[in-house]
């Protein structure tokens, strides 16, 4: 059995299931832009010369920051679909 086989049934109500952190961050940057993203989540990687690579590296190593990004993504999905 493959590692990801059957995961769809394990987390049917998880909006982050199957998404990579890069996809989440790309959505937020395209939706808000770096400046507003830095205002909503006040972390240096969004406010000081932000790049996708440096932000992903920081978020992968910093659980509290990643949680803030994921929570903003979850809150932003309904606004985007309207």
Foldseek 3Di string as FASTA:
>chain_A
DDPCPPVCVVCVPDPCPPPDLLNLVVVCCVVQNLVVVCVQQVDCCSPPPHDSVVVVVVCVVDPVSVVSSSVVSVVCVVVVVD
